[in-house]
PDB file of N, CA and C in Angstrom:
ATOM      1  N   UNK A   1     148.380 -65.890 156.664  1.00  0.00           N
ATOM      2  CA  UNK A   1     147.628 -64.956 157.476  1.00  0.00           C
ATOM      3  C   UNK A   1     147.516 -65.546 158.876  1.00  0.00           C
ATOM      4  N   UNK A   2     147.600 -64.686 159.845  1.00  0.00           N
ATOM      5  CA  UNK A   2     147.426 -65.102 161.230  1.00  0.00           C
ATOM      6  C   UNK A   2     146.040 -64.700 161.717  1.00  0.00           C
ATOM      7  N   UNK A   3     145.671 -65.225 162.861  1.00  0.00           N
ATOM      8  CA  UNK A   3     144.385 -64.888 163.457  1.00  0.00           C
ATOM      9  C   UNK A   3     144.292 -63.393 163.734  1.00  0.00           C
ATOM     10  N   UNK A   4     145.353 -62.821 164.273  1.00  0.00           N
ATOM     11  CA  UNK A   4     145.372 -61.386 164.553  1.00  0.00           C
ATOM     12  C   UNK A   4     145.232 -60.544 163.303  1.00  0.00           C
ATOM     13  N   UNK A   5     145.922 -60.935 162.228  1.00  0.00           N
ATOM     14  CA  UNK A   5     145.817 -60.204 160.957  1.00  0.00           C
ATOM     15  C   UNK A   5     144.401 -60.281 160.398  1.00  0.00           C
ATOM     16  N   UNK A   6     143.807 -61.433 160.504  1.00  0.00           N
ATOM     17  CA  UNK A   6     142.436 -61.609 160.012  1.00  0.00           C
ATOM     18  C   UNK A   6     141.483 -60.656 160.720  1.00  0.00           C
ATOM     19  N   UNK A   7     141.580 -60.605 162.025  1.00  0.00           N
ATOM     20  CA  UNK A   7     140.689 -59.738 162.803  1.00  0.00           C
ATOM     21  C   UNK A   7     140.955 -58.269 162.487  1.00  0.00           C
ATOM     22  N   UNK A   8     142.213 -57.889 162.352  1.00  0.00           N
ATOM     23  CA  UNK A   8     142.540 -56.493 162.012  1.00  0.00           C
ATOM     24  C   UNK A   8     141.993 -56.120 160.634  1.00  0.00           C
ATOM     25  N   UNK A   9     142.131 -57.017 159.645  1.00  0.00           N
ATOM     26  CA  UNK A   9     141.622 -56.732 158.299  1.00  0.00           C
ATOM     27  C   UNK A   9     140.110 -56.607 158.292  1.00  0.00           C
ATOM     28  N   UNK A  10     139.438 -57.506 159.007  1.00  0.00           N
ATOM     29  CA  UNK A  10     137.976 -57.442 159.069  1.00  0.00           C
ATOM     30  C   UNK A  10     137.524 -56.167 159.773  1.00  0.00           C
ATOM     31  N   UNK A  11     138.197 -55.800 160.856  1.00  0.00           N
ATOM     32  CA  UNK A  11     137.828 -54.579 161.579  1.00  0.00           C
ATOM     33  C   UNK A  11     138.076 -53.326 160.742  1.00  0.00           C
ATOM     34  N   UNK A  12     139.111 -53.354 159.905  1.00  0.00           N
ATOM     35  CA  UNK A  12     139.386 -52.205 159.038  1.00  0.00           C
ATOM     36  C   UNK A  12     138.295 -52.059 157.980  1.00  0.00           C
ATOM     37  N   UNK A  13     137.777 -53.189 157.490  1.00  0.00           N
ATOM     38  CA  UNK A  13     136.732 -53.150 156.470  1.00  0.00           C
ATOM     39  C   UNK A  13     135.354 -52.853 157.046  1.00  0.00           C
ATOM     40  N   UNK A  14     135.135 -53.293 158.294  1.00  0.00           N
ATOM     41  CA  UNK A  14     133.832 -53.112 158.921  1.00  0.00           C
ATOM     42  C   UNK A  14     134.043 -52.831 160.407  1.00  0.00           C
ATOM     43  N   UNK A  15     134.232 -51.567 160.755  1.00  0.00           N
ATOM     44  CA  UNK A  15     134.413 -51.242 162.177  1.00  0.00           C
ATOM     45  C   UNK A  15     133.217 -51.737 162.995  1.00  0.00           C
ATOM     46  N   UNK A  16     133.510 -52.286 164.168  1.00  0.00           N
ATOM     47  CA  UNK A  16     132.457 -52.851 165.004  1.00  0.00           C
ATOM     48  C   UNK A  16     132.886 -52.818 166.462  1.00  0.00           C
ATOM     49  N   UNK A  17     131.938 -53.066 167.330  1.00  0.00           N
ATOM     50  CA  UNK A  17     132.212 -53.046 168.770  1.00  0.00           C
ATOM     51  C   UNK A  17     132.238 -54.448 169.362  1.00  0.00           C
ATOM     52  N   UNK A  18     132.291 -55.468 168.524  1.00  0.00           N
ATOM     53  CA  UNK A  18     132.302 -56.844 169.014  1.00  0.00           C
ATOM     54  C   UNK A  18     133.642 -57.185 169.649  1.00  0.00           C
ATOM     55  N   UNK A  19     133.608 -58.052 170.628  1.00  0.00           N
ATOM     56  CA  UNK A  19     134.825 -58.458 171.328  1.00  0.00           C
ATOM     57  C   UNK A  19     135.741 -59.248 170.389  1.00  0.00           C
ATOM     58  N   UNK A  20     137.028 -59.006 170.503  1.00  0.00           N
ATOM     59  CA  UNK A  20     138.002 -59.707 169.682  1.00  0.00           C
ATOM     60  C   UNK A  20     137.941 -61.216 169.930  1.00  0.00           C
ATOM     61  N   UNK A  21     137.646 -61.623 171.152  1.00  0.00           N
ATOM     62  CA  UNK A  21     137.549 -63.038 171.483  1.00  0.00           C
ATOM     63  C   UNK A  21     136.409 -63.716 170.715  1.00  0.00           C
ATOM     64  N   UNK A  22     135.312 -62.992 170.530  1.00  0.00           N
ATOM     65  CA  UNK A  22     134.189 -63.545 169.781  1.00  0.00           C
ATOM     66  C   UNK A  22     134.573 -63.757 168.317  1.00  0.00           C
ATOM     67  N   UNK A  23     135.251 -62.777 167.731  1.00  0.00           N
ATOM     68  CA  UNK A  23     135.683 -62.904 166.339  1.00  0.00           C
ATOM     69  C   UNK A  23     136.715 -64.022 166.201  1.00  0.00           C
ATOM     70  N   UNK A  24     137.601 -64.128 167.180  1.00  0.00           N
ATOM     71  CA  UNK A  24     138.589 -65.210 167.158  1.00  0.00           C
ATOM     72  C   UNK A  24     137.904 -66.564 167.230  1.00  0.00           C
ATOM     73  N   UNK A  25     136.865 -66.691 168.023  1.00  0.00           N
ATOM     74  CA  UNK A  25     136.136 -67.960 168.142  1.00  0.00           C
ATOM     75  C   UNK A  25     135.517 -68.362 166.811  1.00  0.00           C
ATOM     76  N   UNK A  26     135.003 -67.401 166.047  1.00  0.00           N
ATOM     77  CA  UNK A  26     134.418 -67.711 164.741  1.00  0.00           C
ATOM     78  C   UNK A  26     135.466 -68.290 163.805  1.00  0.00           C
ATOM     79  N   UNK A  27     136.637 -67.658 163.776  1.00  0.00           N
ATOM     80  CA  UNK A  27     137.715 -68.124 162.903  1.00  0.00           C
ATOM     81  C   UNK A  27     138.206 -69.492 163.363  1.00  0.00           C
ATOM     82  N   UNK A  28     138.356 -69.661 164.670  1.00  0.00           N
ATOM     83  CA  UNK A  28     138.865 -70.930 165.189  1.00  0.00           C
ATOM     84  C   UNK A  28     137.875 -72.073 164.993  1.00  0.00           C
ATOM     85  N   UNK A  29     136.588 -71.782 164.937  1.00  0.00           N
ATOM     86  CA  UNK A  29     135.610 -72.825 164.617  1.00  0.00           C
ATOM     87  C   UNK A  29     135.862 -73.384 163.218  1.00  0.00           C
ATOM     88  N   UNK A  30     136.124 -72.499 162.259  1.00  0.00           N
ATOM     89  CA  UNK A  30     136.434 -72.942 160.900  1.00  0.00           C
ATOM     90  C   UNK A  30     137.757 -73.709 160.890  1.00  0.00           C
ATOM     91  N   UNK A  31     138.749 -73.239 161.628  1.00  0.00           N
ATOM     92  CA  UNK A  31     140.034 -73.936 161.714  1.00  0.00           C
ATOM     93  C   UNK A  31     139.859 -75.349 162.275  1.00  0.00           C
ATOM     94  N   UNK A  32     139.048 -75.476 163.298  1.00  0.00           N
ATOM     95  CA  UNK A  32     138.804 -76.804 163.885  1.00  0.00           C
ATOM     96  C   UNK A  32     138.148 -77.734 162.862  1.00  0.00           C
ATOM     97  N   UNK A  33     137.163 -77.209 162.140  1.00  0.00           N
ATOM     98  CA  UNK A  33     136.489 -78.033 161.142  1.00  0.00           C
ATOM     99  C   UNK A  33     137.475 -78.486 160.070  1.00  0.00           C
ATOM    100  N   UNK A  34     138.302 -77.574 159.595  1.00  0.00           N
ATOM    101  CA  UNK A  34     139.279 -77.939 158.570  1.00  0.00           C
ATOM    102  C   UNK A  34     140.341 -78.883 159.130  1.00  0.00           C
ATOM    103  N   UNK A  35     140.870 -78.555 160.291  1.00  0.00           N
ATOM    104  CA  UNK A  35     141.989 -79.311 160.845  1.00  0.00           C
ATOM    105  C   UNK A  35     141.634 -80.635 161.475  1.00  0.00           C
ATOM    106  N   UNK A  36     140.423 -80.772 161.978  1.00  0.00           N
ATOM    107  CA  UNK A  36     140.067 -82.004 162.674  1.00  0.00           C
ATOM    108  C   UNK A  36     139.119 -82.892 161.875  1.00  0.00           C
ATOM    109  N   UNK A  37     138.412 -82.319 160.909  1.00  0.00           N
ATOM    110  CA  UNK A  37     137.439 -83.109 160.150  1.00  0.00           C
ATOM    111  C   UNK A  37     137.877 -83.305 158.702  1.00  0.00           C
ATOM    112  N   UNK A  38     138.251 -82.225 158.029  1.00  0.00           N
ATOM    113  CA  UNK A  38     138.542 -82.319 156.595  1.00  0.00           C
ATOM    114  C   UNK A  38     139.957 -82.828 156.301  1.00  0.00           C
ATOM    115  N   UNK A  39     140.989 -82.163 156.795  1.00  0.00           N
ATOM    116  CA  UNK A  39     142.364 -82.495 156.420  1.00  0.00           C
ATOM    117  C   UNK A  39     142.810 -83.905 156.786  1.00  0.00           C
ATOM    118  N   UNK A  40     142.411 -84.466 157.915  1.00  0.00           N
ATOM    119  CA  UNK A  40     142.886 -85.815 158.254  1.00  0.00           C
ATOM    120  C   UNK A  40     142.464 -86.905 157.268  1.00  0.00           C
ATOM    121  N   UNK A  41     141.554 -86.611 156.358  1.00  0.00           N
ATOM    122  CA  UNK A  41     141.149 -87.591 155.341  1.00  0.00           C
ATOM    123  C   UNK A  41     142.215 -87.782 154.267  1.00  0.00           C
ATOM    124  N   UNK A  42     143.219 -86.899 154.246  1.00  0.00           N
ATOM    125  CA  UNK A  42     144.174 -86.874 153.147  1.00  0.00           C
ATOM    126  C   UNK A  42     145.600 -87.099 153.634  1.00  0.00           C
ATOM    127  N   UNK A  43     146.398 -87.738 152.750  1.00  0.00           N
ATOM    128  CA  UNK A  43     147.819 -87.893 153.018  1.00  0.00           C
ATOM    129  C   UNK A  43     148.457 -86.508 152.969  1.00  0.00           C
ATOM    130  N   UNK A  44     149.492 -86.320 153.707  1.00  0.00           N
ATOM    131  CA  UNK A  44     150.161 -85.027 153.716  1.00  0.00           C
ATOM    132  C   UNK A  44     149.613 -84.096 154.769  1.00  0.00           C
ATOM    133  N   UNK A  45     148.570 -84.537 155.452  1.00  0.00           N
ATOM    134  CA  UNK A  45     148.028 -83.727 156.546  1.00  0.00           C
ATOM    135  C   UNK A  45     148.965 -83.888 157.736  1.00  0.00           C
ATOM    136  N   UNK A  46     149.502 -82.792 158.254  1.00  0.00           N
ATOM    137  CA  UNK A  46     150.348 -82.924 159.439  1.00  0.00           C
ATOM    138  C   UNK A  46     149.558 -83.585 160.564  1.00  0.00           C
ATOM    139  N   UNK A  47     150.133 -84.614 161.158  1.00  0.00           N
ATOM    140  CA  UNK A  47     149.444 -85.364 162.207  1.00  0.00           C
ATOM    141  C   UNK A  47     149.043 -84.466 163.371  1.00  0.00           C
ATOM    142  N   UNK A  48     149.765 -83.376 163.579  1.00  0.00           N
ATOM    143  CA  UNK A  48     149.453 -82.481 164.695  1.00  0.00           C
ATOM    144  C   UNK A  48     148.060 -81.894 164.577  1.00  0.00           C
ATOM    145  N   UNK A  49     147.550 -81.750 163.357  1.00  0.00           N
ATOM    146  CA  UNK A  49     146.222 -81.170 163.185  1.00  0.00           C
ATOM    147  C   UNK A  49     145.122 -82.117 163.635  1.00  0.00           C
ATOM    148  N   UNK A  50     145.395 -83.398 163.645  1.00  0.00           N
ATOM    149  CA  UNK A  50     144.352 -84.364 163.959  1.00  0.00           C
ATOM    150  C   UNK A  50     143.857 -84.255 165.392  1.00  0.00           C
ATOM    151  N   UNK A  51     144.730 -83.907 166.309  1.00  0.00           N
ATOM    152  CA  UNK A  51     144.314 -83.867 167.712  1.00  0.00           C
ATOM    153  C   UNK A  51     144.666 -82.535 168.368  1.00  0.00           C
ATOM    154  N   UNK A  52     144.972 -81.550 167.554  1.00  0.00           N
ATOM    155  CA  UNK A  52     145.419 -80.274 168.095  1.00  0.00           C
ATOM    156  C   UNK A  52     144.287 -79.555 168.813  1.00  0.00           C
ATOM    157  N   UNK A  53     144.603 -79.018 169.954  1.00  0.00           N
ATOM    158  CA  UNK A  53     143.670 -78.145 170.661  1.00  0.00           C
ATOM    159  C   UNK A  53     144.065 -76.739 170.245  1.00  0.00           C
ATOM    160  N   UNK A  54     143.225 -76.085 169.499  1.00  0.00           N
ATOM    161  CA  UNK A  54     143.575 -74.833 168.856  1.00  0.00           C
ATOM    162  C   UNK A  54     143.658 -73.703 169.864  1.00  0.00           C
ATOM    163  N   UNK A  55     144.865 -73.301 170.193  1.00  0.00           N
ATOM    164  CA  UNK A  55     144.998 -72.155 171.098  1.00  0.00           C
ATOM    165  C   UNK A  55     144.649 -70.874 170.368  1.00  0.00           C
ATOM    166  N   UNK A  56     144.218 -69.909 171.101  1.00  0.00           N
ATOM    167  CA  UNK A  56     143.895 -68.631 170.474  1.00  0.00           C
ATOM    168  C   UNK A  56     145.161 -67.799 170.344  1.00  0.00           C
ATOM    169  N   UNK A  57     146.112 -68.325 169.622  1.00  0.00           N
ATOM    170  CA  UNK A  57     147.388 -67.669 169.391  1.00  0.00           C
ATOM    171  C   UNK A  57     147.246 -66.765 168.170  1.00  0.00           C
ATOM    172  N   UNK A  58     147.253 -65.478 168.393  1.00  0.00           N
ATOM    173  CA  UNK A  58     147.027 -64.521 167.303  1.00  0.00           C
ATOM    174  C   UNK A  58     148.163 -64.508 166.276  1.00  0.00           C
ATOM    175  N   UNK A  59     149.316 -65.111 166.604  1.00  0.00           N
ATOM    176  CA  UNK A  59     150.454 -65.096 165.689  1.00  0.00           C
ATOM    177  C   UNK A  59     150.580 -66.392 164.888  1.00  0.00           C
ATOM    178  N   UNK A  60     149.754 -67.401 165.168  1.00  0.00           N
ATOM    179  CA  UNK A  60     149.829 -68.677 164.456  1.00  0.00           C
ATOM    180  C   UNK A  60     149.213 -68.550 163.071  1.00  0.00           C
ATOM    181  N   UNK A  61     149.856 -69.172 162.095  1.00  0.00           N
ATOM    182  CA  UNK A  61     149.340 -69.144 160.725  1.00  0.00           C
ATOM    183  C   UNK A  61     148.073 -69.991 160.627  1.00  0.00           C
ATOM    184  N   UNK A  62     147.095 -69.495 159.897  1.00  0.00           N
ATOM    185  CA  UNK A  62     145.855 -70.226 159.670  1.00  0.00           C
ATOM    186  C   UNK A  62     146.057 -71.225 158.535  1.00  0.00           C
ATOM    187  N   UNK A  63     145.296 -72.303 158.538  1.00  0.00           N
ATOM    188  CA  UNK A  63     145.443 -73.363 157.544  1.00  0.00           C
ATOM    189  C   UNK A  63     145.246 -72.875 156.113  1.00  0.00           C
ATOM    190  N   UNK A  64     144.314 -71.971 155.905  1.00  0.00           N
ATOM    191  CA  UNK A  64     144.014 -71.479 154.565  1.00  0.00           C
ATOM    192  C   UNK A  64     144.836 -70.265 154.178  1.00  0.00           C
ATOM    193  N   UNK A  65     145.942 -70.030 154.854  1.00  0.00           N
ATOM    194  CA  UNK A  65     146.774 -68.864 154.529  1.00  0.00           C
ATOM    195  C   UNK A  65     147.225 -68.928 153.084  1.00  0.00           C
ATOM    196  N   UNK A  66     147.408 -67.767 152.497  1.00  0.00           N
ATOM    197  CA  UNK A  66     147.813 -67.709 151.100  1.00  0.00           C
ATOM    198  C   UNK A  66     146.628 -67.391 150.215  1.00  0.00           C
ATOM    199  N   UNK A  67     146.417 -68.217 149.227  1.00  0.00           N
ATOM    200  CA  UNK A  67     145.383 -67.953 148.217  1.00  0.00           C
ATOM    201  C   UNK A  67     143.966 -67.942 148.777  1.00  0.00           C
ATOM    202  N   UNK A  68     143.742 -68.607 149.901  1.00  0.00           N
ATOM    203  CA  UNK A  68     142.374 -68.753 150.407  1.00  0.00           C
ATOM    204  C   UNK A  68     142.130 -68.031 151.721  1.00  0.00           C
ATOM    205  N   UNK A  69     143.044 -67.190 152.129  1.00  0.00           N
ATOM    206  CA  UNK A  69     142.933 -66.551 153.441  1.00  0.00           C
ATOM    207  C   UNK A  69     141.754 -65.592 153.567  1.00  0.00           C
ATOM    208  N   UNK A  70     141.253 -65.098 152.456  1.00  0.00           N
ATOM    209  CA  UNK A  70     140.115 -64.188 152.515  1.00  0.00           C
ATOM    210  C   UNK A  70     138.850 -64.880 153.039  1.00  0.00           C
ATOM    211  N   UNK A  71     138.832 -66.225 153.030  1.00  0.00           N
ATOM    212  CA  UNK A  71     137.644 -66.917 153.554  1.00  0.00           C
ATOM    213  C   UNK A  71     137.443 -66.581 155.024  1.00  0.00           C
ATOM    214  N   UNK A  72     138.524 -66.396 155.761  1.00  0.00           N
ATOM    215  CA  UNK A  72     138.415 -66.057 157.175  1.00  0.00           C
ATOM    216  C   UNK A  72     137.886 -64.634 157.358  1.00  0.00           C
ATOM    217  N   UNK A  73     138.392 -63.720 156.552  1.00  0.00           N
ATOM    218  CA  UNK A  73     137.956 -62.322 156.641  1.00  0.00           C
ATOM    219  C   UNK A  73     136.468 -62.228 156.310  1.00  0.00           C
ATOM    220  N   UNK A  74     136.050 -62.901 155.241  1.00  0.00           N
ATOM    221  CA  UNK A  74     134.626 -62.867 154.870  1.00  0.00           C
ATOM    222  C   UNK A  74     133.754 -63.541 155.929  1.00  0.00           C
ATOM    223  N   UNK A  75     134.279 -64.568 156.570  1.00  0.00           N
ATOM    224  CA  UNK A  75     133.531 -65.204 157.654  1.00  0.00           C
ATOM    225  C   UNK A  75     133.282 -64.224 158.793  1.00  0.00           C
ATOM    226  N   UNK A  76     134.324 -63.497 159.196  1.00  0.00           N
ATOM    227  CA  UNK A  76     134.172 -62.513 160.275  1.00  0.00           C
ATOM    228  C   UNK A  76     133.230 -61.390 159.840  1.00  0.00           C
ATOM    229  N   UNK A  77     133.376 -60.917 158.610  1.00  0.00           N
ATOM    230  CA  UNK A  77     132.495 -59.859 158.115  1.00  0.00           C
ATOM    231  C   UNK A  77     131.038 -60.326 158.063  1.00  0.00           C
ATOM    232  N   UNK A  78     130.827 -61.581 157.681  1.00  0.00           N
ATOM    233  CA  UNK A  78     129.459 -62.126 157.639  1.00  0.00           C
ATOM    234  C   UNK A  78     128.853 -62.165 159.030  1.00  0.00           C
ATOM    235  N   UNK A  79     129.619 -62.639 159.996  1.00  0.00           N
ATOM    236  CA  UNK A  79     129.082 -62.732 161.356  1.00  0.00           C
ATOM    237  C   UNK A  79     128.820 -61.353 161.950  1.00  0.00           C
ATOM    238  N   UNK A  80     129.675 -60.382 161.643  1.00  0.00           N
ATOM    239  CA  UNK A  80     129.435 -59.005 162.103  1.00  0.00           C
ATOM    240  C   UNK A  80     128.146 -58.463 161.493  1.00  0.00           C
ATOM    241  N   UNK A  81     127.938 -58.734 160.213  1.00  0.00           N
ATOM    242  CA  UNK A  81     126.714 -58.290 159.550  1.00  0.00           C
ATOM    243  C   UNK A  81     125.495 -58.980 160.149  1.00  0.00           C
ATOM    244  N   UNK A  82     125.633 -60.235 160.520  1.00  0.00           N
ATOM    245  CA  UNK A  82     124.538 -60.967 161.145  1.00  0.00           C
ATOM    246  C   UNK A  82     124.157 -60.329 162.479  1.00  0.00           C
ATOM    247  N   UNK A  83     125.154 -59.989 163.259  1.00  0.00           N
ATOM    248  CA  UNK A  83     124.898 -59.335 164.550  1.00  0.00           C
ATOM    249  C   UNK A  83     124.179 -58.007 164.343  1.00  0.00           C
ATOM    250  N   UNK A  84     124.569 -57.283 163.289  1.00  0.00           N
ATOM    251  CA  UNK A  84     123.947 -55.986 162.985  1.00  0.00           C
ATOM    252  C   UNK A  84     122.646 -56.133 162.193  1.00  0.00           C
ATOM    253  N   UNK A  85     122.240 -57.351 161.919  1.00  0.00           N
ATOM    254  CA  UNK A  85     121.032 -57.651 161.154  1.00  0.00           C
ATOM    255  C   UNK A  85     121.030 -56.989 159.778  1.00  0.00           C
ATOM    256  N   UNK A  86     122.178 -57.001 159.137  1.00  0.00           N
ATOM    257  CA  UNK A  86     122.313 -56.507 157.765  1.00  0.00           C
ATOM    258  C   UNK A  86     122.348 -57.722 156.852  1.00  0.00           C
ATOM    259  N   UNK A  87     121.167 -58.157 156.434  1.00  0.00           N
ATOM    260  CA  UNK A  87     121.009 -59.437 155.777  1.00  0.00           C
ATOM    261  C   UNK A  87     121.703 -59.522 154.421  1.00  0.00           C
ATOM    262  N   UNK A  88     121.658 -58.465 153.629  1.00  0.00           N
ATOM    263  CA  UNK A  88     122.311 -58.503 152.322  1.00  0.00           C
ATOM    264  C   UNK A  88     123.821 -58.671 152.472  1.00  0.00           C
ATOM    265  N   UNK A  89     124.411 -57.917 153.390  1.00  0.00           N
ATOM    266  CA  UNK A  89     125.853 -58.032 153.638  1.00  0.00           C
ATOM    267  C   UNK A  89     126.187 -59.417 154.186  1.00  0.00           C
ATOM    268  N   UNK A  90     125.338 -59.914 155.087  1.00  0.00           N
ATOM    269  CA  UNK A  90     125.554 -61.254 155.648  1.00  0.00           C
ATOM    270  C   UNK A  90     125.559 -62.304 154.536  1.00  0.00           C
ATOM    271  N   UNK A  91     124.549 -62.250 153.671  1.00  0.00           N
ATOM    272  CA  UNK A  91     124.453 -63.233 152.590  1.00  0.00           C
ATOM    273  C   UNK A  91     125.634 -63.143 151.631  1.00  0.00           C
ATOM    274  N   UNK A  92     126.038 -61.929 151.285  1.00  0.00           N
ATOM    275  CA  UNK A  92     127.152 -61.746 150.353  1.00  0.00           C
ATOM    276  C   UNK A  92     128.457 -62.276 150.934  1.00  0.00           C
ATOM    277  N   UNK A  93     128.763 -61.924 152.172  1.00  0.00           N
ATOM    278  CA  UNK A  93     130.020 -62.373 152.789  1.00  0.00           C
ATOM    279  C   UNK A  93     130.008 -63.871 153.070  1.00  0.00           C
ATOM    280  N   UNK A  94     128.854 -64.413 153.444  1.00  0.00           N
ATOM    281  CA  UNK A  94     128.757 -65.853 153.673  1.00  0.00           C
ATOM    282  C   UNK A  94     129.002 -66.615 152.377  1.00  0.00           C
ATOM    283  N   UNK A  95     128.424 -66.139 151.294  1.00  0.00           N
ATOM    284  CA  UNK A  95     128.621 -66.795 149.996  1.00  0.00           C
ATOM    285  C   UNK A  95     130.097 -66.765 149.590  1.00  0.00           C
ATOM    286  N   UNK A  96     130.757 -65.630 149.779  1.00  0.00           N
ATOM    287  CA  UNK A  96     132.176 -65.529 149.433  1.00  0.00           C
ATOM    288  C   UNK A  96     133.028 -66.434 150.318  1.00  0.00           C
ATOM    289  N   UNK A  97     132.728 -66.463 151.610  1.00  0.00           N
ATOM    290  CA  UNK A  97     133.488 -67.311 152.527  1.00  0.00           C
ATOM    291  C   UNK A  97     133.329 -68.785 152.160  1.00  0.00           C
ATOM    292  N   UNK A  98     132.116 -69.211 151.877  1.00  0.00           N
ATOM    293  CA  UNK A  98     131.861 -70.614 151.527  1.00  0.00           C
ATOM    294  C   UNK A  98     132.478 -70.983 150.183  1.00  0.00           C
ATOM    295  N   UNK A  99     132.466 -70.045 149.235  1.00  0.00           N
ATOM    296  CA  UNK A  99     133.085 -70.304 147.930  1.00  0.00           C
ATOM    297  C   UNK A  99     134.588 -70.507 148.095  1.00  0.00           C
ATOM    298  N   UNK A 100     135.237 -69.640 148.877  1.00  0.00           N
ATOM    299  CA  UNK A 100     136.671 -69.789 149.100  1.00  0.00           C
ATOM    300  C   UNK A 100     136.994 -71.054 149.885  1.00  0.00           C
ATOM    301  N   UNK A 101     136.147 -71.402 150.850  1.00  0.00           N
ATOM    302  CA  UNK A 101     136.350 -72.646 151.590  1.00  0.00           C
ATOM    303  C   UNK A 101     136.245 -73.849 150.653  1.00  0.00           C
ATOM    304  N   UNK A 102     135.265 -73.829 149.765  1.00  0.00           N
ATOM    305  CA  UNK A 102     135.093 -74.908 148.794  1.00  0.00           C
ATOM    306  C   UNK A 102     136.303 -75.003 147.868  1.00  0.00           C
ATOM    307  N   UNK A 103     136.803 -73.864 147.401  1.00  0.00           N
ATOM    308  CA  UNK A 103     137.978 -73.859 146.529  1.00  0.00           C
ATOM    309  C   UNK A 103     139.210 -74.375 147.265  1.00  0.00           C
ATOM    310  N   UNK A 104     139.360 -74.002 148.543  1.00  0.00           N
ATOM    311  CA  UNK A 104     140.471 -74.504 149.357  1.00  0.00           C
ATOM    312  C   UNK A 104     140.405 -76.030 149.440  1.00  0.00           C
ATOM    313  N   UNK A 105     139.214 -76.558 149.725  1.00  0.00           N
ATOM    314  CA  UNK A 105     139.047 -78.007 149.851  1.00  0.00           C
ATOM    315  C   UNK A 105     139.308 -78.718 148.522  1.00  0.00           C
ATOM    316  N   UNK A 106     138.817 -78.156 147.423  1.00  0.00           N
ATOM    317  CA  UNK A 106     139.047 -78.769 146.107  1.00  0.00           C
ATOM    318  C   UNK A 106     140.529 -78.768 145.763  1.00  0.00           C
ATOM    319  N   UNK A 107     141.213 -77.675 146.072  1.00  0.00           N
ATOM    320  CA  UNK A 107     142.649 -77.600 145.810  1.00  0.00           C
ATOM    321  C   UNK A 107     143.396 -78.634 146.645  1.00  0.00           C
ATOM    322  N   UNK A 108     143.011 -78.773 147.901  1.00  0.00           N
ATOM    323  CA  UNK A 108     143.658 -79.763 148.767  1.00  0.00           C
ATOM    324  C   UNK A 108     143.409 -81.176 148.215  1.00  0.00           C
ATOM    325  N   UNK A 109     142.182 -81.450 147.770  1.00  0.00           N
ATOM    326  CA  UNK A 109     141.859 -82.760 147.207  1.00  0.00           C
ATOM    327  C   UNK A 109     142.675 -83.060 145.954  1.00  0.00           C
ATOM    328  N   UNK A 110     142.925 -82.031 145.130  1.00  0.00           N
ATOM    329  CA  UNK A 110     143.707 -82.216 143.907  1.00  0.00           C
ATOM    330  C   UNK A 110     145.164 -82.503 144.212  1.00  0.00           C
ATOM    331  N   UNK A 111     145.683 -81.932 145.287  1.00  0.00           N
ATOM    332  CA  UNK A 111     147.122 -82.025 145.552  1.00  0.00           C
ATOM    333  C   UNK A 111     147.508 -83.039 146.619  1.00  0.00           C
ATOM    334  N   UNK A 112     146.549 -83.654 147.274  1.00  0.00           N
ATOM    335  CA  UNK A 112     146.834 -84.632 148.329  1.00  0.00           C
ATOM    336  C   UNK A 112     145.931 -85.855 148.148  1.00  0.00           C
ATOM    337  N   UNK A 113     146.522 -87.041 148.020  1.00  0.00           N
ATOM    338  CA  UNK A 113     145.681 -88.239 147.886  1.00  0.00           C
ATOM    339  C   UNK A 113     144.970 -88.559 149.199  1.00  0.00           C
ATOM    340  N   UNK A 114     143.827 -89.208 149.059  1.00  0.00           N
ATOM    341  CA  UNK A 114     143.074 -89.633 150.247  1.00  0.00           C
ATOM    342  C   UNK A 114     143.840 -90.730 150.969  1.00  0.00           C
ATOM    343  N   UNK A 115     143.686 -90.735 152.283  1.00  0.00           N
ATOM    344  CA  UNK A 115     144.268 -91.827 153.075  1.00  0.00           C
ATOM    345  C   UNK A 115     143.473 -93.088 152.768  1.00  0.00           C
ATOM    346  N   UNK A 116     144.180 -94.192 152.744  1.00  0.00           N
ATOM    347  CA  UNK A 116     143.452 -95.446 152.526  1.00  0.00           C
ATOM    348  C   UNK A 116     142.753 -95.845 153.813  1.00  0.00           C
ATOM    349  N   UNK A 117     141.618 -96.462 153.636  1.00  0.00           N
ATOM    350  CA  UNK A 117     140.867 -96.917 154.813  1.00  0.00           C
ATOM    351  C   UNK A 117     141.433 -98.259 155.244  1.00  0.00           C
ATOM    352  N   UNK A 118     141.522 -98.469 156.535  1.00  0.00           N
ATOM    353  CA  UNK A 118     142.006 -99.764 157.005  1.00  0.00           C
ATOM    354  C   UNK A 118     141.056-100.889 156.591  1.00  0.00           C
ATOM    355  N   UNK A 119     141.610-102.004 156.220  1.00  0.00           N
ATOM    356  CA  UNK A 119     140.799-103.151 155.834  1.00  0.00           C
ATOM    357  C   UNK A 119     140.188-103.774 157.070  1.00  0.00           C
ATOM    358  N   UNK A 120     138.902-104.029 157.002  1.00  0.00           N
ATOM    359  CA  UNK A 120     138.201-104.639 158.124  1.00  0.00           C
ATOM    360  C   UNK A 120     138.077-106.128 157.852  1.00  0.00           C
ATOM    361  N   UNK A 121     138.571-106.914 158.777  1.00  0.00           N
ATOM    362  CA  UNK A 121     138.473-108.371 158.630  1.00  0.00           C
ATOM    363  C   UNK A 121     137.248-108.868 159.369  1.00  0.00           C
ATOM    364  N   UNK A 122     136.507-109.663 158.706  1.00  0.00           N
ATOM    365  CA  UNK A 122     135.305-110.238 159.323  1.00  0.00           C
ATOM    366  C   UNK A 122     135.545-111.650 159.777  1.00  0.00           C
TER     367      UNK A 122
END
């Protein structure tokens, strides 16, 4: 899934008047957290993610593309519901987004060994 596809899917499910840049920022915040904080702990993480400055390229594939791509859609839907002060929808979409994010992380942990920590000499 790309950033543009994510925004289009979320807008189709929940029409809104929010700026596309705002929705893109929400998705890219999650991408930064995954790419700069979570993935570098594991072997097999492309080194480019460690220091990448995430451009708002609507055609770039998101890290959780495939089985976990709905986490991005639910994240956007949750934030839209938050703006509209629809608390039940916000809570439901946030829970789904976090569950998928957790499953993505667990799957990555199962399939990629942790990087070894450098030995510190005293």
